[in-house]
Amino acid sequence: MRFRPAVFWDFPRGSWQYDVVVVLILAFIFLMPARIFNDRPSQPVVQEIEHGGGDSRVFWIDPGALGRANLEHAREGLEALLEAKVGSEVAVDRIQPATDRAGNVQAYLVFTMPANPAGRTEGPPQGQE
């Protein structure tokens, strides 16, 4: 019966027993590693929503992917994120915020094109080395 007060929190506030229980709870919260709870940071949601067969693509990207970055400064980070998703180099053509009726950004529509269009080559033309 010694654990009954601890389990049901029957200690009067301000007593040393109350303080010990509070310290134990806080120690549990702050000292336990996140891996025990299988807690992982969420990955930004990137979903391709349109690929009409041409070279351009449209992606729906969670606002958390940009953080607090300015849209123009976020282009390089978005290109790297999309390259990992697509598996090839892409260039961001434009970024359009998708907002709700109150004007809060719910996602970003990112319009992309290939980083190296078929008409442009890098290095010497074929046959000339």
Protein backbone atom coordinates (compact mmCIF):
# COMPACT_ATOMS: atom_id res chain seq x y z
CA MET A 1 0.00 0.00 0.00
CA ARG A 2 3.02 2.28 -0.06
CA PHE A 3 2.58 2.94 -3.82
CA ARG A 4 -1.06 3.98 -3.58
CA PRO A 5 -0.32 7.68 -2.88
CA ALA A 6 2.22 7.82 -5.70
CA VAL A 7 -0.07 6.14 -8.21
CA PHE A 8 -3.12 8.21 -7.31
CA TRP A 9 -1.09 11.39 -6.60
CA ASP A 10 -2.41 11.71 -3.06
CA PHE A 11 0.45 13.88 -1.80
CA PRO A 12 -0.42 17.34 -0.58
CA ARG A 13 0.89 20.06 -2.86
CA GLY A 14 4.14 21.55 -1.59
CA SER A 15 5.21 18.43 0.30
CA TRP A 16 8.58 16.82 -0.42
CA GLN A 17 6.85 13.72 -1.79
CA TYR A 18 4.95 15.85 -4.30
CA ASP A 19 8.22 17.50 -5.38
CA VAL A 20 9.91 14.11 -5.84
CA VAL A 21 7.08 12.87 -8.07
CA VAL A 22 7.24 16.07 -10.17
CA VAL A 23 11.02 15.73 -10.55
CA LEU A 24 10.62 12.09 -11.61
CA ILE A 25 8.04 13.03 -14.22
CA LEU A 26 10.20 15.85 -15.60
CA ALA A 27 13.25 13.58 -15.66
CA PHE A 28 11.28 11.01 -17.60
CA ILE A 29 10.16 13.60 -20.14
CA PHE A 30 13.49 15.30 -20.71
CA LEU A 31 16.03 12.53 -20.17
CA MET A 32 14.48 9.72 -22.19
CA PRO A 33 15.94 9.44 -25.71
CA ALA A 34 13.47 9.93 -28.57
CA ARG A 35 14.34 6.51 -30.05
CA ILE A 36 12.52 4.85 -27.14
CA PHE A 37 9.27 6.38 -28.38
CA ASN A 38 10.11 5.69 -32.05
CA ASP A 39 9.84 9.42 -32.64
CA ARG A 40 11.27 10.59 -35.94
CA PRO A 41 11.10 14.00 -37.56
CA SER A 42 8.58 13.97 -40.36
CA GLN A 43 9.80 14.28 -43.90
CA PRO A 44 8.32 17.06 -46.01
CA VAL A 45 5.47 15.83 -48.16
CA VAL A 46 6.30 15.99 -51.86
CA GLN A 47 3.71 14.67 -54.26
CA GLU A 48 3.72 14.87 -58.03
CA ILE A 49 0.27 15.99 -59.09
CA GLU A 50 0.67 16.52 -62.83
CA HIS A 51 2.90 15.09 -65.50
CA GLY A 52 1.14 15.53 -68.80
CA GLY A 53 3.71 13.59 -70.77
CA GLY A 54 5.78 16.68 -71.53
CA ASP A 55 8.96 17.78 -69.84
CA SER A 56 7.31 19.98 -67.23
CA ARG A 57 6.00 18.61 -63.95
CA VAL A 58 3.93 20.03 -61.10
CA PHE A 59 4.55 19.06 -57.47
CA TRP A 60 2.47 19.64 -54.33
CA ILE A 61 4.91 20.44 -51.51
CA ASP A 62 4.19 20.76 -47.81
CA PRO A 63 4.95 24.28 -46.48
CA GLY A 64 7.30 22.73 -43.90
CA ALA A 65 9.71 21.90 -46.72
CA LEU A 66 10.50 25.60 -47.13
CA GLY A 67 10.60 26.50 -43.45
CA ARG A 68 10.75 30.27 -43.11
CA ALA A 69 12.81 30.78 -46.25
CA ASN A 70 11.84 33.35 -48.85
CA LEU A 71 10.38 31.70 -51.96
CA GLU A 72 13.18 32.97 -54.20
CA HIS A 73 15.89 31.78 -51.80
CA ALA A 74 14.22 28.39 -51.45
CA ARG A 75 14.66 27.41 -55.11
CA GLU A 76 17.98 25.59 -54.61
CA GLY A 77 16.67 23.63 -51.65
CA LEU A 78 13.50 22.71 -53.52
CA GLU A 79 15.51 21.61 -56.54
CA ALA A 80 17.60 19.30 -54.34
CA LEU A 81 14.45 17.94 -52.64
CA LEU A 82 12.75 17.29 -55.99
CA GLU A 83 15.87 15.75 -57.52
CA ALA A 84 15.91 13.23 -54.68
CA LYS A 85 12.22 12.48 -55.31
CA VAL A 86 12.39 12.30 -59.12
CA GLY A 87 15.84 10.81 -59.52
CA SER A 88 17.02 13.31 -62.13
CA GLU A 89 17.97 16.97 -62.24
CA VAL A 90 15.12 19.46 -62.32
CA ALA A 91 14.95 23.23 -62.43
CA VAL A 92 12.21 25.09 -60.59
CA ASP A 93 10.30 27.21 -63.09
CA ARG A 94 7.95 28.90 -60.61
CA ILE A 95 6.51 28.48 -57.12
CA GLN A 96 2.86 29.25 -56.46
CA PRO A 97 1.41 29.26 -52.92
CA ALA A 98 -1.86 27.34 -52.51
CA THR A 99 -3.89 29.14 -49.85
CA ASP A 100 -7.16 28.53 -48.06
CA ARG A 101 -9.97 31.10 -47.92
CA ALA A 102 -8.34 32.86 -44.98
CA GLY A 103 -5.10 33.29 -46.96
CA ASN A 104 -3.08 30.74 -44.98
CA VAL A 105 -0.56 28.82 -47.08
CA GLN A 106 -1.58 25.15 -47.19
CA ALA A 107 1.02 24.00 -49.72
CA TYR A 108 3.16 25.18 -52.60
CA LEU A 109 2.64 24.25 -56.22
CA VAL A 110 6.10 23.92 -57.73
CA PHE A 111 6.35 23.92 -61.51
CA THR A 112 9.52 22.31 -62.80
CA MET A 113 11.29 21.62 -66.06
CA PRO A 114 14.31 19.43 -66.81
CA ALA A 115 17.57 21.04 -65.74
CA ASN A 116 19.15 19.98 -69.03
CA PRO A 117 16.55 20.17 -71.83
CA ALA A 118 17.11 17.82 -74.77
CA GLY A 119 18.17 20.64 -77.05
CA ARG A 120 21.03 21.72 -74.80
CA THR A 121 24.13 19.63 -74.29
CA GLU A 122 26.95 19.90 -71.84
CA GLY A 123 30.53 19.28 -72.89
CA PRO A 124 31.79 18.82 -76.43
CA PRO A 125 29.35 17.76 -79.16
CA GLN A 126 29.28 14.05 -79.88
CA GLY A 127 32.05 12.92 -82.20
CA GLN A 128 34.39 15.71 -81.06
CA GLU A 129 36.51 14.81 -78.08
